[in-house]
C-alpha atoms as a PDB file:
ATOM      1  CA  MET A   1      -1.781   1.822 -46.119  1.00  0.00           C
ATOM      2  CA  LYS A   2       0.823   3.873 -47.831  1.00  0.00           C
ATOM      3  CA  THR A   3      -1.587   6.711 -48.130  1.00  0.00           C
ATOM      4  CA  ILE A   4      -2.200   6.962 -44.641  1.00  0.00           C
ATOM      5  CA  PHE A   5       1.667   6.836 -43.692  1.00  0.00           C
ATOM      6  CA  PHE A   6       2.110   9.876 -46.296  1.00  0.00           C
ATOM      7  CA  GLU A   7      -0.353  11.797 -44.698  1.00  0.00           C
ATOM      8  CA  PHE A   8       1.107  11.567 -41.511  1.00  0.00           C
ATOM      9  CA  ILE A   9       4.476  12.754 -42.902  1.00  0.00           C
ATOM     10  CA  LYS A  10       2.892  15.581 -44.678  1.00  0.00           C
ATOM     11  CA  LYS A  11       1.306  16.757 -41.331  1.00  0.00           C
ATOM     12  CA  PHE A  12       4.672  16.185 -39.448  1.00  0.00           C
ATOM     13  CA  GLN A  13       6.691  18.238 -42.071  1.00  0.00           C
ATOM     14  CA  LYS A  14       4.266  21.333 -41.787  1.00  0.00           C
ATOM     15  CA  ARG A  15       4.945  21.314 -38.025  1.00  0.00           C
ATOM     16  CA  SER A  16       7.761  23.498 -36.984  1.00  0.00           C
ATOM     17  CA  TYR A  17      10.930  22.267 -35.357  1.00  0.00           C
ATOM     18  CA  LEU A  18       9.751  23.435 -31.854  1.00  0.00           C
ATOM     19  CA  ASP A  19       6.237  21.906 -32.280  1.00  0.00           C
ATOM     20  CA  ILE A  20       8.103  18.610 -32.170  1.00  0.00           C
ATOM     21  CA  TYR A  21       9.269  18.941 -28.460  1.00  0.00           C
ATOM     22  CA  ILE A  22       6.128  20.577 -27.075  1.00  0.00           C
ATOM     23  CA  MET A  23       4.460  18.141 -24.779  1.00  0.00           C
ATOM     24  CA  ASP A  24       0.579  17.891 -24.787  1.00  0.00           C
ATOM     25  CA  THR A  25       0.879  17.047 -20.896  1.00  0.00           C
ATOM     26  CA  THR A  26       1.863  18.714 -17.839  1.00  0.00           C
ATOM     27  CA  TRP A  27       4.083  15.804 -16.542  1.00  0.00           C
ATOM     28  CA  PRO A  28       7.622  16.802 -16.339  1.00  0.00           C
ATOM     29  CA  PHE A  29      10.291  13.620 -17.389  1.00  0.00           C
ATOM     30  CA  ASN A  30      12.623  14.763 -14.203  1.00  0.00           C
ATOM     31  CA  PHE A  31       9.934  14.691 -11.931  1.00  0.00           C
ATOM     32  CA  ASP A  32      11.053  14.205  -8.281  1.00  0.00           C
ATOM     33  CA  CYS A  33       7.963  12.932  -6.388  1.00  0.00           C
ATOM     34  CA  VAL A  34      10.254  12.385  -3.223  1.00  0.00           C
ATOM     35  CA  GLY A  35       9.538  15.293  -1.537  1.00  0.00           C
ATOM     36  CA  VAL A  36      11.651  18.610  -0.872  1.00  0.00           C
ATOM     37  CA  PRO A  37      14.130  18.441   2.131  1.00  0.00           C
ATOM     38  CA  ARG A  38      12.661  20.281   5.138  1.00  0.00           C
ATOM     39  CA  HIS A  39      16.046  21.014   6.771  1.00  0.00           C
ATOM     40  CA  LEU A  40      19.758  20.939   6.287  1.00  0.00           C
ATOM     41  CA  PRO A  41      22.086  17.509   6.569  1.00  0.00           C
ATOM     42  CA  SER A  42      23.748  18.978   9.823  1.00  0.00           C
ATOM     43  CA  TYR A  43      20.278  19.320  11.449  1.00  0.00           C
ATOM     44  CA  TYR A  44      19.695  15.556  10.790  1.00  0.00           C
ATOM     45  CA  ASP A  45      22.903  14.747  11.530  1.00  0.00           C
ATOM     46  CA  THR A  46      22.598  15.421  15.180  1.00  0.00           C
ATOM     47  CA  LEU A  47      19.093  14.431  15.518  1.00  0.00           C
ATOM     48  CA  ILE A  48      19.283  10.786  14.591  1.00  0.00           C
ATOM     49  CA  ILE A  49      22.177  10.167  17.114  1.00  0.00           C
ATOM     50  CA  PRO A  50      20.892   7.106  19.263  1.00  0.00           C
ATOM     51  CA  LYS A  51      20.070   8.458  22.776  1.00  0.00           C
ATOM     52  CA  ILE A  52      22.538   6.349  24.436  1.00  0.00           C
ATOM     53  CA  PHE A  53      25.291   7.797  22.300  1.00  0.00           C
ATOM     54  CA  TYR A  54      24.261  11.218  22.261  1.00  0.00           C
ATOM     55  CA  ASN A  55      26.549  12.890  25.020  1.00  0.00           C
ATOM     56  CA  ALA A  56      29.525  10.637  24.090  1.00  0.00           C
ATOM     57  CA  VAL A  57      29.399  11.553  20.578  1.00  0.00           C
ATOM     58  CA  ILE A  58      28.482  15.326  20.961  1.00  0.00           C
ATOM     59  CA  ASN A  59      31.671  15.596  23.582  1.00  0.00           C
ATOM     60  CA  ARG A  60      33.683  13.443  21.271  1.00  0.00           C
ATOM     61  CA  ASN A  61      34.647  11.036  24.109  1.00  0.00           C
ATOM     62  CA  ILE A  62      35.994   8.016  21.974  1.00  0.00           C
ATOM     63  CA  ASP A  63      36.418   5.822  25.362  1.00  0.00           C
ATOM     64  CA  GLN A  64      32.800   6.322  26.336  1.00  0.00           C
ATOM     65  CA  VAL A  65      31.367   5.771  22.973  1.00  0.00           C
ATOM     66  CA  ASN A  66      33.530   2.337  23.015  1.00  0.00           C
ATOM     67  CA  THR A  67      32.082   1.524  26.380  1.00  0.00           C
ATOM     68  CA  VAL A  68      28.506   2.115  24.996  1.00  0.00           C
ATOM     69  CA  ILE A  69      29.225   0.154  21.617  1.00  0.00           C
ATOM     70  CA  LYS A  70      30.280  -2.743  24.180  1.00  0.00           C
ATOM     71  CA  TYR A  71      27.120  -2.700  26.037  1.00  0.00           C
ATOM     72  CA  ASN A  72      24.912  -2.450  23.096  1.00  0.00           C
ATOM     73  CA  PRO A  73      25.962  -4.381  20.245  1.00  0.00           C
ATOM     74  CA  LYS A  74      22.530  -4.774  18.560  1.00  0.00           C
ATOM     75  CA  LEU A  75      22.184  -0.819  18.404  1.00  0.00           C
ATOM     76  CA  SER A  76      25.702  -0.292  17.208  1.00  0.00           C
ATOM     77  CA  ILE A  77      25.254  -3.102  14.433  1.00  0.00           C
ATOM     78  CA  ALA A  78      21.583  -0.925  13.473  1.00  0.00           C
ATOM     79  CA  VAL A  79      23.517   2.070  13.256  1.00  0.00           C
ATOM     80  CA  VAL A  80      26.101   0.472  10.909  1.00  0.00           C
ATOM     81  CA  ILE A  81      23.435  -1.137   8.880  1.00  0.00           C
ATOM     82  CA  TYR A  82      21.157   2.099   8.679  1.00  0.00           C
ATOM     83  CA  TYR A  83      24.533   3.999   7.200  1.00  0.00           C
ATOM     84  CA  ASP A  84      25.447   1.234   4.934  1.00  0.00           C
ATOM     85  CA  ASN A  85      22.115   0.109   3.461  1.00  0.00           C
ATOM     86  CA  THR A  86      19.456   3.009   3.872  1.00  0.00           C
ATOM     87  CA  LEU A  87      21.737   6.069   3.379  1.00  0.00           C
ATOM     88  CA  ARG A  88      23.751   4.600   0.877  1.00  0.00           C
ATOM     89  CA  SER A  89      21.030   3.003  -1.276  1.00  0.00           C
ATOM     90  CA  ALA A  90      18.935   6.269  -0.793  1.00  0.00           C
ATOM     91  CA  PHE A  91      22.178   8.323  -2.367  1.00  0.00           C
ATOM     92  CA  PHE A  92      22.811   5.650  -5.375  1.00  0.00           C
ATOM     93  CA  TYR A  93      18.871   5.819  -5.987  1.00  0.00           C
ATOM     94  CA  LYS A  94      19.171   9.480  -6.170  1.00  0.00           C
ATOM     95  CA  LYS A  95      22.333   9.375  -8.097  1.00  0.00           C
ATOM     96  CA  ASN A  96      20.423   6.724 -10.752  1.00  0.00           C
ATOM     97  CA  ALA A  97      17.538   8.938 -11.030  1.00  0.00           C
ATOM     98  CA  LYS A  98      15.339   6.373  -9.323  1.00  0.00           C
ATOM     99  CA  PHE A  99      12.781   6.729  -6.546  1.00  0.00           C
ATOM    100  CA  ASP A 100      13.173   5.653  -3.043  1.00  0.00           C
ATOM    101  CA  MET A 101      10.964   5.716  -0.386  1.00  0.00           C
ATOM    102  CA  PRO A 102      11.066   7.409   3.232  1.00  0.00           C
ATOM    103  CA  ASN A 103      12.446   5.711   6.248  1.00  0.00           C
ATOM    104  CA  LYS A 104      11.621   6.223   9.781  1.00  0.00           C
ATOM    105  CA  ILE A 105      14.452   6.048  12.432  1.00  0.00           C
ATOM    106  CA  ARG A 106      13.867   3.212  14.456  1.00  0.00           C
ATOM    107  CA  TRP A 107      15.917   3.858  17.723  1.00  0.00           C
ATOM    108  CA  ALA A 108      15.102   6.233  20.544  1.00  0.00           C
ATOM    109  CA  THR A 109      16.853   9.630  19.881  1.00  0.00           C
ATOM    110  CA  GLN A 110      17.599  12.361  22.213  1.00  0.00           C
ATOM    111  CA  THR A 111      14.743  14.575  21.222  1.00  0.00           C
ATOM    112  CA  GLU A 112      12.012  12.894  19.090  1.00  0.00           C
ATOM    113  CA  ASN A 113      11.477   9.404  19.445  1.00  0.00           C
ATOM    114  CA  GLY A 114      10.002   7.301  16.748  1.00  0.00           C
ATOM    115  CA  LYS A 115       8.923  10.529  15.048  1.00  0.00           C
ATOM    116  CA  ILE A 116      11.893  11.063  12.875  1.00  0.00           C
ATOM    117  CA  ILE A 117      10.999  10.063   8.956  1.00  0.00           C
ATOM    118  CA  LEU A 118      13.195  11.234   6.481  1.00  0.00           C
ATOM    119  CA  ASN A 119      12.433  11.231   2.808  1.00  0.00           C
ATOM    120  CA  PRO A 120      14.923  10.047   0.175  1.00  0.00           C
ATOM    121  CA  ASN A 121      16.437  13.508  -0.591  1.00  0.00           C
ATOM    122  CA  GLU A 122      16.985  14.119   2.965  1.00  0.00           C
ATOM    123  CA  LEU A 123      18.914  10.485   3.185  1.00  0.00           C
ATOM    124  CA  SER A 124      20.863  11.146   0.121  1.00  0.00           C
ATOM    125  CA  MET A 125      21.853  14.459   1.388  1.00  0.00           C
ATOM    126  CA  LEU A 126      22.618  13.118   4.895  1.00  0.00           C
ATOM    127  CA  TYR A 127      24.835  10.334   3.237  1.00  0.00           C
ATOM    128  CA  SER A 128      26.641  13.103   1.040  1.00  0.00           C
ATOM    129  CA  TYR A 129      26.980  15.330   4.303  1.00  0.00           C
ATOM    130  CA  ILE A 130      28.567  12.380   6.459  1.00  0.00           C
ATOM    131  CA  THR A 131      30.856  10.991   3.398  1.00  0.00           C
ATOM    132  CA  THR A 132      32.328  14.225   2.200  1.00  0.00           C
ATOM    133  CA  ALA A 133      33.106  15.821   5.314  1.00  0.00           C
ATOM    134  CA  PRO A 134      35.969  14.884   7.317  1.00  0.00           C
ATOM    135  CA  TRP A 135      34.660  11.951  10.026  1.00  0.00           C
ATOM    136  CA  ALA A 136      35.463  13.835  13.062  1.00  0.00           C
ATOM    137  CA  SER A 137      33.760  16.806  12.055  1.00  0.00           C
ATOM    138  CA  THR A 138      30.078  15.300  11.319  1.00  0.00           C
ATOM    139  CA  ASN A 139      28.259  13.510  14.525  1.00  0.00           C
ATOM    140  CA  MET A 140      27.194  10.490  12.597  1.00  0.00           C
ATOM    141  CA  GLY A 141      30.683  10.212  10.973  1.00  0.00           C
ATOM    142  CA  PHE A 142      32.350  10.077  14.339  1.00  0.00           C
ATOM    143  CA  LEU A 143      29.732   7.534  15.375  1.00  0.00           C
ATOM    144  CA  ILE A 144      30.167   5.445  12.497  1.00  0.00           C
ATOM    145  CA  ASN A 145      34.163   5.489  12.377  1.00  0.00           C
ATOM    146  CA  ALA A 146      34.070   4.452  16.123  1.00  0.00           C
ATOM    147  CA  ILE A 147      31.737   1.477  15.814  1.00  0.00           C
ATOM    148  CA  ASN A 148      33.749   0.487  12.407  1.00  0.00           C
ATOM    149  CA  ASN A 149      36.988   0.699  14.556  1.00  0.00           C
ATOM    150  CA  TYR A 150      35.375  -1.330  17.341  1.00  0.00           C
ATOM    151  CA  LEU A 151      34.422  -3.933  14.650  1.00  0.00           C
ATOM    152  CA  ILE A 152      37.745  -4.080  13.151  1.00  0.00           C
ATOM    153  CA  GLN A 153      39.462  -4.536  16.569  1.00  0.00           C
ATOM    154  CA  LEU A 154      37.081  -7.585  17.180  1.00  0.00           C
ATOM    155  CA  ARG A 155      37.452  -9.201  13.872  1.00  0.00           C
ATOM    156  CA  TYR A 156      41.441  -9.053  14.481  1.00  0.00           C
ATOM    157  CA  VAL A 157      40.813 -10.648  17.908  1.00  0.00           C
ATOM    158  CA  MET A 158      38.549 -13.289  16.046  1.00  0.00           C
ATOM    159  CA  GLY A 159      41.745 -13.790  13.714  1.00  0.00           C
ATOM    160  CA  LEU A 160      43.797 -14.389  16.631  1.00  0.00           C
ATOM    161  CA  ILE A 161      41.525 -16.851  18.347  1.00  0.00           C
ATOM    162  CA  ASN A 162      41.036 -18.764  15.132  1.00  0.00           C
ATOM    163  CA  ASN A 163      44.723 -19.050  14.647  1.00  0.00           C
ATOM    164  CA  LYS A 164      45.114 -20.470  18.373  1.00  0.00           C
ATOM    165  CA  ILE A 165      46.889 -17.199  19.480  1.00  0.00           C
ATOM    166  CA  PRO A 166      46.092 -16.025  22.868  1.00  0.00           C
ATOM    167  CA  ALA A 167      44.189 -12.863  22.798  1.00  0.00           C
ATOM    168  CA  ASN A 168      44.101 -12.031  26.789  1.00  0.00           C
ATOM    169  CA  LYS A 169      45.249  -8.418  26.177  1.00  0.00           C
ATOM    170  CA  TYR A 170      42.193  -7.561  24.272  1.00  0.00           C
ATOM    171  CA  TYR A 171      39.735  -9.174  26.820  1.00  0.00           C
ATOM    172  CA  ASP A 172      38.779  -5.776  27.732  1.00  0.00           C
ATOM    173  CA  LEU A 173      37.032  -5.136  24.389  1.00  0.00           C
ATOM    174  CA  GLY A 174      34.141  -7.596  25.662  1.00  0.00           C
ATOM    175  CA  VAL A 175      32.022  -7.717  28.720  1.00  0.00           C
ATOM    176  CA  ASN A 176      32.588 -10.643  31.289  1.00  0.00           C
ATOM    177  CA  VAL A 177      35.265 -12.015  29.113  1.00  0.00           C
ATOM    178  CA  HIS A 178      37.738 -14.344  30.758  1.00  0.00           C
ATOM    179  CA  ASN A 179      39.025 -16.667  27.856  1.00  0.00           C
ATOM    180  CA  ASN A 180      39.058 -17.165  24.157  1.00  0.00           C
ATOM    181  CA  ALA A 181      35.994 -19.160  24.040  1.00  0.00           C
ATOM    182  CA  GLU A 182      33.977 -16.313  26.054  1.00  0.00           C
ATOM    183  CA  MET A 183      35.559 -13.857  23.640  1.00  0.00           C
ATOM    184  CA  LYS A 184      34.474 -15.965  20.666  1.00  0.00           C
ATOM    185  CA  TYR A 185      30.895 -15.944  21.894  1.00  0.00           C
ATOM    186  CA  TYR A 186      31.112 -12.066  22.690  1.00  0.00           C
ATOM    187  CA  ILE A 187      32.020 -11.494  19.084  1.00  0.00           C
ATOM    188  CA  SER A 188      29.123 -13.535  17.574  1.00  0.00           C
ATOM    189  CA  LYS A 189      26.976 -11.018  18.976  1.00  0.00           C
ATOM    190  CA  PHE A 190      28.491  -8.163  16.641  1.00  0.00           C
ATOM    191  CA  ILE A 191      29.683 -10.207  13.766  1.00  0.00           C
ATOM    192  CA  PRO A 192      27.025 -12.779  13.107  1.00  0.00           C
ATOM    193  CA  GLY A 193      28.143 -16.707  11.750  1.00  0.00           C
ATOM    194  CA  VAL A 194      31.457 -16.232  13.605  1.00  0.00           C
ATOM    195  CA  ARG A 195      31.025 -19.406  15.955  1.00  0.00           C
END
């Protein structure tokens, strides 16, 4: 046993310092198998806006965006979840040198309905683009900020209702809302588990 070990050491000592680091395979350590970005993040920033939000977001009309949010709670929550879960996790996977998977946009868009698939590099670059630029300069940043502000207002109204304070001046945030019970039901469409 000792002789085998010493023979190995002798062979190892005969090698030069550089031979130790030469691999006998073509597989690189930091191989990024998730695909090269096909477009810049600004391209996807405009492309993935939901169709019903498109004109309001492009024109930066916050009142129109709030009206669309008011009548489309499921889509609004889907956009926020896409940003919070999909884009953020892709960014942190990439940051930690882990692999993620491509993601398909699940809502109707202005141009390509159901055909937009972003690879993890594109997702990570889009998240970085949205978070580093001022919120009003990117389309998704503007939309996410508008939805989050609307949700903050709804949470405030929910706090008023829970504390038995009349919230009648906030009834315009809801659709066909005339009392606190109806407002609470409307808020439950946006914030699950609120009843």
